Amino acid sequence: MLFLIFRYTAKKSTVYAFILRWPKSNTVTLGAVKYQTQLSISMLGLAEKLTFKVNPAGGIKVQMPLVPYSQLPCQWAWILSINVI
């Protein structure tokens, strides 16, 4: 069974979600983040914005970037930047 490990921190209006294991489904559920229509989510080190949707059980489901593992900004941990715009 795969357990995803998250850590959160915040600075001003930005929440950072540290992901310590890459999800096999390329989708990660962030239960501690409330859905808002004006959210912007990106991965530090990549220019593209990530897509997300409401998770019926709470929080949001984020589609991780579809890039080769070797081209990710890091191979040990990934940080999502979550902003209200």
PDB file of N, CA and C in Angstrom:
ATOM      1  N   MET A   1       0.849  -1.177   0.000  1.00  0.00           N
ATOM      2  CA  MET A   1       0.000   0.000   0.000  1.00  0.00           C
ATOM      3  C   MET A   1       0.895   1.240   0.000  1.00  0.00           C
ATOM      4  N   LEU A   2       0.562   2.185  -0.861  1.00  0.00           N
ATOM      5  CA  LEU A   2       1.356   3.405  -0.990  1.00  0.00           C
ATOM      6  C   LEU A   2       0.754   4.513  -0.134  1.00  0.00           C
ATOM      7  N   PHE A   3       1.547   5.078   0.744  1.00  0.00           N
ATOM      8  CA  PHE A   3       1.120   6.223   1.536  1.00  0.00           C
ATOM      9  C   PHE A   3       1.880   7.440   1.052  1.00  0.00           C
ATOM     10  N   LEU A   4       1.138   8.463   0.656  1.00  0.00           N
ATOM     11  CA  LEU A   4       1.778   9.704   0.254  1.00  0.00           C
ATOM     12  C   LEU A   4       2.076  10.506   1.503  1.00  0.00           C
ATOM     13  N   ILE A   5       3.206  11.139   1.520  1.00  0.00           N
ATOM     14  CA  ILE A   5       3.610  11.917   2.685  1.00  0.00           C
ATOM     15  C   ILE A   5       3.629  13.384   2.287  1.00  0.00           C
ATOM     16  N   PHE A   6       2.929  14.199   3.067  1.00  0.00           N
ATOM     17  CA  PHE A   6       2.844  15.632   2.807  1.00  0.00           C
ATOM     18  C   PHE A   6       3.315  16.413   4.014  1.00  0.00           C
ATOM     19  N   ARG A   7       3.818  17.580   3.737  1.00  0.00           N
ATOM     20  CA  ARG A   7       4.105  18.571   4.761  1.00  0.00           C
ATOM     21  C   ARG A   7       3.627  19.888   4.200  1.00  0.00           C
ATOM     22  N   TYR A   8       3.107  20.737   5.051  1.00  0.00           N
ATOM     23  CA  TYR A   8       2.620  22.043   4.623  1.00  0.00           C
ATOM     24  C   TYR A   8       3.337  23.142   5.397  1.00  0.00           C
ATOM     25  N   THR A   9       3.500  24.265   4.731  1.00  0.00           N
ATOM     26  CA  THR A   9       3.971  25.482   5.385  1.00  0.00           C
ATOM     27  C   THR A   9       3.335  26.649   4.630  1.00  0.00           C
ATOM     28  N   ALA A  10       3.381  27.824   5.214  1.00  0.00           N
ATOM     29  CA  ALA A  10       2.763  28.986   4.569  1.00  0.00           C
ATOM     30  C   ALA A  10       3.618  30.222   4.788  1.00  0.00           C
ATOM     31  N   LYS A  11       3.551  31.117   3.820  1.00  0.00           N
ATOM     32  CA  LYS A  11       4.197  32.413   3.930  1.00  0.00           C
ATOM     33  C   LYS A  11       3.260  33.417   3.264  1.00  0.00           C
ATOM     34  N   LYS A  12       2.755  34.340   4.049  1.00  0.00           N
ATOM     35  CA  LYS A  12       1.758  35.323   3.606  1.00  0.00           C
ATOM     36  C   LYS A  12       0.559  34.573   3.025  1.00  0.00           C
ATOM     37  N   SER A  13       0.187  34.827   1.793  1.00  0.00           N
ATOM     38  CA  SER A  13      -1.016  34.194   1.228  1.00  0.00           C
ATOM     39  C   SER A  13      -0.709  32.934   0.416  1.00  0.00           C
ATOM     40  N   THR A  14       0.506  32.428   0.498  1.00  0.00           N
ATOM     41  CA  THR A  14       0.891  31.230  -0.262  1.00  0.00           C
ATOM     42  C   THR A  14       1.061  30.043   0.683  1.00  0.00           C
ATOM     43  N   VAL A  15       0.451  28.927   0.318  1.00  0.00           N
ATOM     44  CA  VAL A  15       0.641  27.669   1.043  1.00  0.00           C
ATOM     45  C   VAL A  15       1.540  26.793   0.188  1.00  0.00           C
ATOM     46  N   TYR A  16       2.515  26.160   0.820  1.00  0.00           N
ATOM     47  CA  TYR A  16       3.413  25.246   0.123  1.00  0.00           C
ATOM     48  C   TYR A  16       3.138  23.832   0.617  1.00  0.00           C
ATOM     49  N   ALA A  17       2.902  22.919  -0.321  1.00  0.00           N
ATOM     50  CA  ALA A  17       2.697  21.509   0.004  1.00  0.00           C
ATOM     51  C   ALA A  17       3.921  20.736  -0.466  1.00  0.00           C
ATOM     52  N   PHE A  18       4.633  20.137   0.464  1.00  0.00           N
ATOM     53  CA  PHE A  18       5.812  19.330   0.164  1.00  0.00           C
ATOM     54  C   PHE A  18       5.351  17.895  -0.035  1.00  0.00           C
ATOM     55  N   ILE A  19       5.642  17.341  -1.199  1.00  0.00           N
ATOM     56  CA  ILE A  19       5.262  15.972  -1.520  1.00  0.00           C
ATOM     57  C   ILE A  19       6.526  15.133  -1.504  1.00  0.00           C
ATOM     58  N   LEU A  20       6.539  14.123  -0.638  1.00  0.00           N
ATOM     59  CA  LEU A  20       7.756  13.351  -0.427  1.00  0.00           C
ATOM     60  C   LEU A  20       7.765  12.005  -1.148  1.00  0.00           C
ATOM     61  N   ARG A  21       6.658  11.658  -1.797  1.00  0.00           N
ATOM     62  CA  ARG A  21       6.596  10.455  -2.650  1.00  0.00           C
ATOM     63  C   ARG A  21       5.754  10.789  -3.867  1.00  0.00           C
ATOM     64  N   TRP A  22       6.255  10.460  -5.033  1.00  0.00           N
ATOM     65  CA  TRP A  22       5.520  10.742  -6.267  1.00  0.00           C
ATOM     66  C   TRP A  22       4.333   9.786  -6.367  1.00  0.00           C
ATOM     67  N   PRO A  23       3.133  10.314  -6.633  1.00  0.00           N
ATOM     68  CA  PRO A  23       1.963   9.439  -6.719  1.00  0.00           C
ATOM     69  C   PRO A  23       1.957   8.628  -8.015  1.00  0.00           C
ATOM     70  N   LYS A  24       1.651   7.356  -7.918  1.00  0.00           N
ATOM     71  CA  LYS A  24       1.635   6.490  -9.100  1.00  0.00           C
ATOM     72  C   LYS A  24       0.573   6.920 -10.106  1.00  0.00           C
ATOM     73  N   SER A  25      -0.523   7.488  -9.616  1.00  0.00           N
ATOM     74  CA  SER A  25      -1.613   7.897 -10.494  1.00  0.00           C
ATOM     75  C   SER A  25      -1.402   9.291 -11.086  1.00  0.00           C
ATOM     76  N   ASN A  26      -0.315   9.965 -10.728  1.00  0.00           N
ATOM     77  CA  ASN A  26      -0.026  11.347 -11.137  1.00  0.00           C
ATOM     78  C   ASN A  26      -1.078  12.326 -10.635  1.00  0.00           C
ATOM     79  N   THR A  27      -1.888  11.896  -9.677  1.00  0.00           N
ATOM     80  CA  THR A  27      -2.861  12.777  -9.037  1.00  0.00           C
ATOM     81  C   THR A  27      -2.639  12.715  -7.543  1.00  0.00           C
ATOM     82  N   VAL A  28      -2.653  13.868  -6.917  1.00  0.00           N
ATOM     83  CA  VAL A  28      -2.450  13.921  -5.473  1.00  0.00           C
ATOM     84  C   VAL A  28      -3.641  14.638  -4.835  1.00  0.00           C
ATOM     85  N   THR A  29      -4.118  14.101  -3.721  1.00  0.00           N
ATOM     86  CA  THR A  29      -5.228  14.711  -2.993  1.00  0.00           C
ATOM     87  C   THR A  29      -4.675  15.472  -1.802  1.00  0.00           C
ATOM     88  N   LEU A  30      -4.954  16.762  -1.772  1.00  0.00           N
ATOM     89  CA  LEU A  30      -4.525  17.616  -0.667  1.00  0.00           C
ATOM     90  C   LEU A  30      -5.753  17.904   0.193  1.00  0.00           C
ATOM     91  N   GLY A  31      -5.919  17.125   1.240  1.00  0.00           N
ATOM     92  CA  GLY A  31      -7.093  17.242   2.093  1.00  0.00           C
ATOM     93  C   GLY A  31      -7.119  18.488   2.950  1.00  0.00           C
ATOM     94  N   ALA A  32      -5.968  19.087   3.205  1.00  0.00           N
ATOM     95  CA  ALA A  32      -5.902  20.266   4.071  1.00  0.00           C
ATOM     96  C   ALA A  32      -6.162  21.569   3.318  1.00  0.00           C
ATOM     97  N   VAL A  33      -6.316  21.492   2.003  1.00  0.00           N
ATOM     98  CA  VAL A  33      -6.523  22.701   1.193  1.00  0.00           C
ATOM     99  C   VAL A  33      -8.003  22.817   0.845  1.00  0.00           C
ATOM    100  N   LYS A  34      -8.602  23.957   1.177  1.00  0.00           N
ATOM    101  CA  LYS A  34     -10.002  24.195   0.825  1.00  0.00           C
ATOM    102  C   LYS A  34     -10.092  24.685  -0.614  1.00  0.00           C
ATOM    103  N   TYR A  35     -11.073  24.164  -1.327  1.00  0.00           N
ATOM    104  CA  TYR A  35     -11.288  24.579  -2.711  1.00  0.00           C
ATOM    105  C   TYR A  35     -11.808  26.015  -2.750  1.00  0.00           C
ATOM    106  N   GLN A  36     -11.204  26.804  -3.620  1.00  0.00           N
ATOM    107  CA  GLN A  36     -11.670  28.155  -3.916  1.00  0.00           C
ATOM    108  C   GLN A  36     -11.582  28.331  -5.423  1.00  0.00           C
ATOM    109  N   THR A  37     -12.506  29.079  -5.992  1.00  0.00           N
ATOM    110  CA  THR A  37     -12.533  29.222  -7.450  1.00  0.00           C
ATOM    111  C   THR A  37     -11.320  29.974  -7.979  1.00  0.00           C
ATOM    112  N   GLN A  38     -10.668  30.734  -7.156  1.00  0.00           N
ATOM    113  CA  GLN A  38      -9.547  31.559  -7.609  1.00  0.00           C
ATOM    114  C   GLN A  38      -8.196  31.025  -7.126  1.00  0.00           C
ATOM    115  N   LEU A  39      -8.013  29.718  -7.109  1.00  0.00           N
ATOM    116  CA  LEU A  39      -6.728  29.133  -6.731  1.00  0.00           C
ATOM    117  C   LEU A  39      -5.814  29.012  -7.945  1.00  0.00           C
ATOM    118  N   SER A  40      -4.540  29.171  -7.699  1.00  0.00           N
ATOM    119  CA  SER A  40      -3.514  28.938  -8.710  1.00  0.00           C
ATOM    120  C   SER A  40      -2.494  27.994  -8.088  1.00  0.00           C
ATOM    121  N   ILE A  41      -2.225  26.883  -8.757  1.00  0.00           N
ATOM    122  CA  ILE A  41      -1.302  25.886  -8.220  1.00  0.00           C
ATOM    123  C   ILE A  41      -0.214  25.617  -9.244  1.00  0.00           C
ATOM    124  N   SER A  42       1.022  25.654  -8.783  1.00  0.00           N
ATOM    125  CA  SER A  42       2.154  25.336  -9.649  1.00  0.00           C
ATOM    126  C   SER A  42       3.190  24.557  -8.840  1.00  0.00           C
ATOM    127  N   MET A  43       4.103  23.910  -9.551  1.00  0.00           N
ATOM    128  CA  MET A  43       5.209  23.219  -8.890  1.00  0.00           C
ATOM    129  C   MET A  43       6.440  24.096  -9.009  1.00  0.00           C
ATOM    130  N   LEU A  44       7.113  24.299  -7.894  1.00  0.00           N
ATOM    131  CA  LEU A  44       8.324  25.103  -7.938  1.00  0.00           C
ATOM    132  C   LEU A  44       9.323  24.458  -8.897  1.00  0.00           C
ATOM    133  N   GLY A  45       9.904  25.265  -9.757  1.00  0.00           N
ATOM    134  CA  GLY A  45      10.867  24.775 -10.735  1.00  0.00           C
ATOM    135  C   GLY A  45      10.271  24.509 -12.109  1.00  0.00           C
ATOM    136  N   LEU A  46       8.945  24.550 -12.226  1.00  0.00           N
ATOM    137  CA  LEU A  46       8.277  24.357 -13.512  1.00  0.00           C
ATOM    138  C   LEU A  46       7.395  25.563 -13.787  1.00  0.00           C
ATOM    139  N   ALA A  47       7.267  25.954 -15.037  1.00  0.00           N
ATOM    140  CA  ALA A  47       6.511  27.153 -15.395  1.00  0.00           C
ATOM    141  C   ALA A  47       5.004  26.915 -15.482  1.00  0.00           C
ATOM    142  N   GLU A  48       4.595  25.699 -15.808  1.00  0.00           N
ATOM    143  CA  GLU A  48       3.176  25.455 -16.061  1.00  0.00           C
ATOM    144  C   GLU A  48       2.341  25.459 -14.783  1.00  0.00           C
ATOM    145  N   LYS A  49       1.088  25.889 -14.927  1.00  0.00           N
ATOM    146  CA  LYS A  49       0.117  25.813 -13.840  1.00  0.00           C
ATOM    147  C   LYS A  49      -0.462  24.407 -13.837  1.00  0.00           C
ATOM    148  N   LEU A  50      -0.798  23.908 -12.658  1.00  0.00           N
ATOM    149  CA  LEU A  50      -1.364  22.571 -12.542  1.00  0.00           C
ATOM    150  C   LEU A  50      -2.884  22.655 -12.464  1.00  0.00           C
ATOM    151  N   THR A  51      -3.552  21.655 -13.014  1.00  0.00           N
ATOM    152  CA  THR A  51      -5.003  21.614 -12.943  1.00  0.00           C
ATOM    153  C   THR A  51      -5.424  20.891 -11.665  1.00  0.00           C
ATOM    154  N   PHE A  52      -6.625  21.231 -11.201  1.00  0.00           N
ATOM    155  CA  PHE A  52      -7.130  20.627  -9.968  1.00  0.00           C
ATOM    156  C   PHE A  52      -8.640  20.656 -10.001  1.00  0.00           C
ATOM    157  N   LYS A  53      -9.249  19.857  -9.127  1.00  0.00           N
ATOM    158  CA  LYS A  53     -10.700  19.850  -8.992  1.00  0.00           C
ATOM    159  C   LYS A  53     -11.058  19.517  -7.545  1.00  0.00           C
ATOM    160  N   VAL A  54     -12.314  19.732  -7.227  1.00  0.00           N
ATOM    161  CA  VAL A  54     -12.793  19.451  -5.878  1.00  0.00           C
ATOM    162  C   VAL A  54     -12.771  17.951  -5.634  1.00  0.00           C
ATOM    163  N   ASN A  55     -12.318  17.559  -4.463  1.00  0.00           N
ATOM    164  CA  ASN A  55     -12.381  16.170  -4.047  1.00  0.00           C
ATOM    165  C   ASN A  55     -13.661  16.010  -3.222  1.00  0.00           C
ATOM    166  N   PRO A  56     -14.599  15.139  -3.617  1.00  0.00           N
ATOM    167  CA  PRO A  56     -15.857  14.998  -2.881  1.00  0.00           C
ATOM    168  C   PRO A  56     -15.667  14.678  -1.394  1.00  0.00           C
ATOM    169  N   ALA A  57     -14.583  14.021  -1.041  1.00  0.00           N
ATOM    170  CA  ALA A  57     -14.318  13.675   0.360  1.00  0.00           C
ATOM    171  C   ALA A  57     -13.686  14.836   1.133  1.00  0.00           C
ATOM    172  N   GLY A  58     -13.387  15.935   0.436  1.00  0.00           N
ATOM    173  CA  GLY A  58     -12.759  17.095   1.078  1.00  0.00           C
ATOM    174  C   GLY A  58     -11.427  17.421   0.430  1.00  0.00           C
ATOM    175  N   GLY A  59     -11.101  18.691   0.416  1.00  0.00           N
ATOM    176  CA  GLY A  59      -9.843  19.136  -0.167  1.00  0.00           C
ATOM    177  C   GLY A  59      -9.924  19.218  -1.685  1.00  0.00           C
ATOM    178  N   ILE A  60      -8.759  19.086  -2.320  1.00  0.00           N
ATOM    179  CA  ILE A  60      -8.680  19.166  -3.777  1.00  0.00           C
ATOM    180  C   ILE A  60      -7.804  18.041  -4.318  1.00  0.00           C
ATOM    181  N   LYS A  61      -8.055  17.683  -5.577  1.00  0.00           N
ATOM    182  CA  LYS A  61      -7.220  16.715  -6.295  1.00  0.00           C
ATOM    183  C   LYS A  61      -6.419  17.491  -7.321  1.00  0.00           C
ATOM    184  N   VAL A  62      -5.114  17.342  -7.277  1.00  0.00           N
ATOM    185  CA  VAL A  62      -4.220  18.070  -8.169  1.00  0.00           C
ATOM    186  C   VAL A  62      -3.593  17.091  -9.153  1.00  0.00           C
ATOM    187  N   GLN A  63      -3.649  17.438 -10.433  1.00  0.00           N
ATOM    188  CA  GLN A  63      -2.990  16.649 -11.472  1.00  0.00           C
ATOM    189  C   GLN A  63      -1.524  17.055 -11.506  1.00  0.00           C
ATOM    190  N   MET A  64      -0.651  16.122 -11.208  1.00  0.00           N
ATOM    191  CA  MET A  64       0.785  16.407 -11.217  1.00  0.00           C
ATOM    192  C   MET A  64       1.246  16.583 -12.665  1.00  0.00           C
ATOM    193  N   PRO A  65       2.357  17.303 -12.883  1.00  0.00           N
ATOM    194  CA  PRO A  65       2.816  17.556 -14.255  1.00  0.00           C
ATOM    195  C   PRO A  65       3.183  16.263 -14.972  1.00  0.00           C
ATOM    196  N   LEU A  66       2.841  16.214 -16.250  1.00  0.00           N
ATOM    197  CA  LEU A  66       3.137  15.040 -17.057  1.00  0.00           C
ATOM    198  C   LEU A  66       4.449  15.255 -17.812  1.00  0.00           C
ATOM    199  N   VAL A  67       5.517  15.242 -17.052  1.00  0.00           N
ATOM    200  CA  VAL A  67       6.858  15.371 -17.624  1.00  0.00           C
ATOM    201  C   VAL A  67       7.659  14.147 -17.202  1.00  0.00           C
ATOM    202  N   PRO A  68       8.661  13.760 -17.974  1.00  0.00           N
ATOM    203  CA  PRO A  68       9.485  12.629 -17.568  1.00  0.00           C
ATOM    204  C   PRO A  68      10.105  12.869 -16.194  1.00  0.00           C
ATOM    205  N   TYR A  69      10.156  11.804 -15.423  1.00  0.00           N
ATOM    206  CA  TYR A  69      10.703  11.881 -14.061  1.00  0.00           C
ATOM    207  C   TYR A  69      12.083  12.540 -14.042  1.00  0.00           C
ATOM    208  N   SER A  70      12.897  12.248 -15.042  1.00  0.00           N
ATOM    209  CA  SER A  70      14.257  12.799 -15.091  1.00  0.00           C
ATOM    210  C   SER A  70      14.272  14.308 -15.343  1.00  0.00           C
ATOM    211  N   GLN A  71      13.153  14.892 -15.800  1.00  0.00           N
ATOM    212  CA  GLN A  71      13.104  16.320 -16.084  1.00  0.00           C
ATOM    213  C   GLN A  71      12.417  17.120 -14.976  1.00  0.00           C
ATOM    214  N   LEU A  72      12.011  16.451 -13.906  1.00  0.00           N
ATOM    215  CA  LEU A  72      11.420  17.162 -12.780  1.00  0.00           C
ATOM    216  C   LEU A  72      12.488  17.987 -12.073  1.00  0.00           C
ATOM    217  N   PRO A  73      12.094  19.063 -11.377  1.00  0.00           N
ATOM    218  CA  PRO A  73      13.081  19.919 -10.721  1.00  0.00           C
ATOM    219  C   PRO A  73      13.892  19.197  -9.642  1.00  0.00           C
ATOM    220  N   CYS A  74      13.353  18.130  -9.090  1.00  0.00           N
ATOM    221  CA  CYS A  74      14.045  17.371  -8.044  1.00  0.00           C
ATOM    222  C   CYS A  74      13.554  15.932  -8.127  1.00  0.00           C
ATOM    223  N   GLN A  75      14.336  14.999  -7.619  1.00  0.00           N
ATOM    224  CA  GLN A  75      13.927  13.603  -7.662  1.00  0.00           C
ATOM    225  C   GLN A  75      13.596  13.046  -6.279  1.00  0.00           C
ATOM    226  N   TRP A  76      13.605  13.883  -5.238  1.00  0.00           N
ATOM    227  CA  TRP A  76      13.369  13.401  -3.875  1.00  0.00           C
ATOM    228  C   TRP A  76      12.152  14.034  -3.216  1.00  0.00           C
ATOM    229  N   ALA A  77      11.833  15.253  -3.565  1.00  0.00           N
ATOM    230  CA  ALA A  77      10.666  15.948  -3.000  1.00  0.00           C
ATOM    231  C   ALA A  77      10.223  17.013  -3.994  1.00  0.00           C
ATOM    232  N   TRP A  78       8.919  17.311  -3.979  1.00  0.00           N
ATOM    233  CA  TRP A  78       8.357  18.275  -4.915  1.00  0.00           C
ATOM    234  C   TRP A  78       7.464  19.230  -4.133  1.00  0.00           C
ATOM    235  N   ILE A  79       7.535  20.485  -4.481  1.00  0.00           N
ATOM    236  CA  ILE A  79       6.803  21.508  -3.717  1.00  0.00           C
ATOM    237  C   ILE A  79       5.770  22.166  -4.614  1.00  0.00           C
ATOM    238  N   LEU A  80       4.518  22.117  -4.162  1.00  0.00           N
ATOM    239  CA  LEU A  80       3.448  22.796  -4.855  1.00  0.00           C
ATOM    240  C   LEU A  80       3.210  24.145  -4.172  1.00  0.00           C
ATOM    241  N   SER A  81       3.111  25.173  -4.978  1.00  0.00           N
ATOM    242  CA  SER A  81       2.815  26.516  -4.498  1.00  0.00           C
ATOM    243  C   SER A  81       1.332  26.768  -4.762  1.00  0.00           C
ATOM    244  N   ILE A  82       0.576  27.068  -3.706  1.00  0.00           N
ATOM    245  CA  ILE A  82      -0.875  27.232  -3.798  1.00  0.00           C
ATOM    246  C   ILE A  82      -1.205  28.660  -3.410  1.00  0.00           C
ATOM    247  N   ASN A  83      -1.754  29.416  -4.365  1.00  0.00           N
ATOM    248  CA  ASN A  83      -2.052  30.833  -4.150  1.00  0.00           C
ATOM    249  C   ASN A  83      -3.498  31.132  -4.450  1.00  0.00           C
ATOM    250  N   VAL A  84      -4.051  32.055  -3.700  1.00  0.00           N
ATOM    251  CA  VAL A  84      -5.373  32.596  -4.017  1.00  0.00           C
ATOM    252  C   VAL A  84      -5.126  33.820  -4.889  1.00  0.00           C
ATOM    253  N   ILE A  85      -5.738  33.829  -6.084  1.00  0.00           N
ATOM    254  CA  ILE A  85      -5.501  34.949  -7.004  1.00  0.00           C
ATOM    255  C   ILE A  85      -6.726  35.837  -7.108  1.00  0.00           C
TER     256      ILE A  85
END
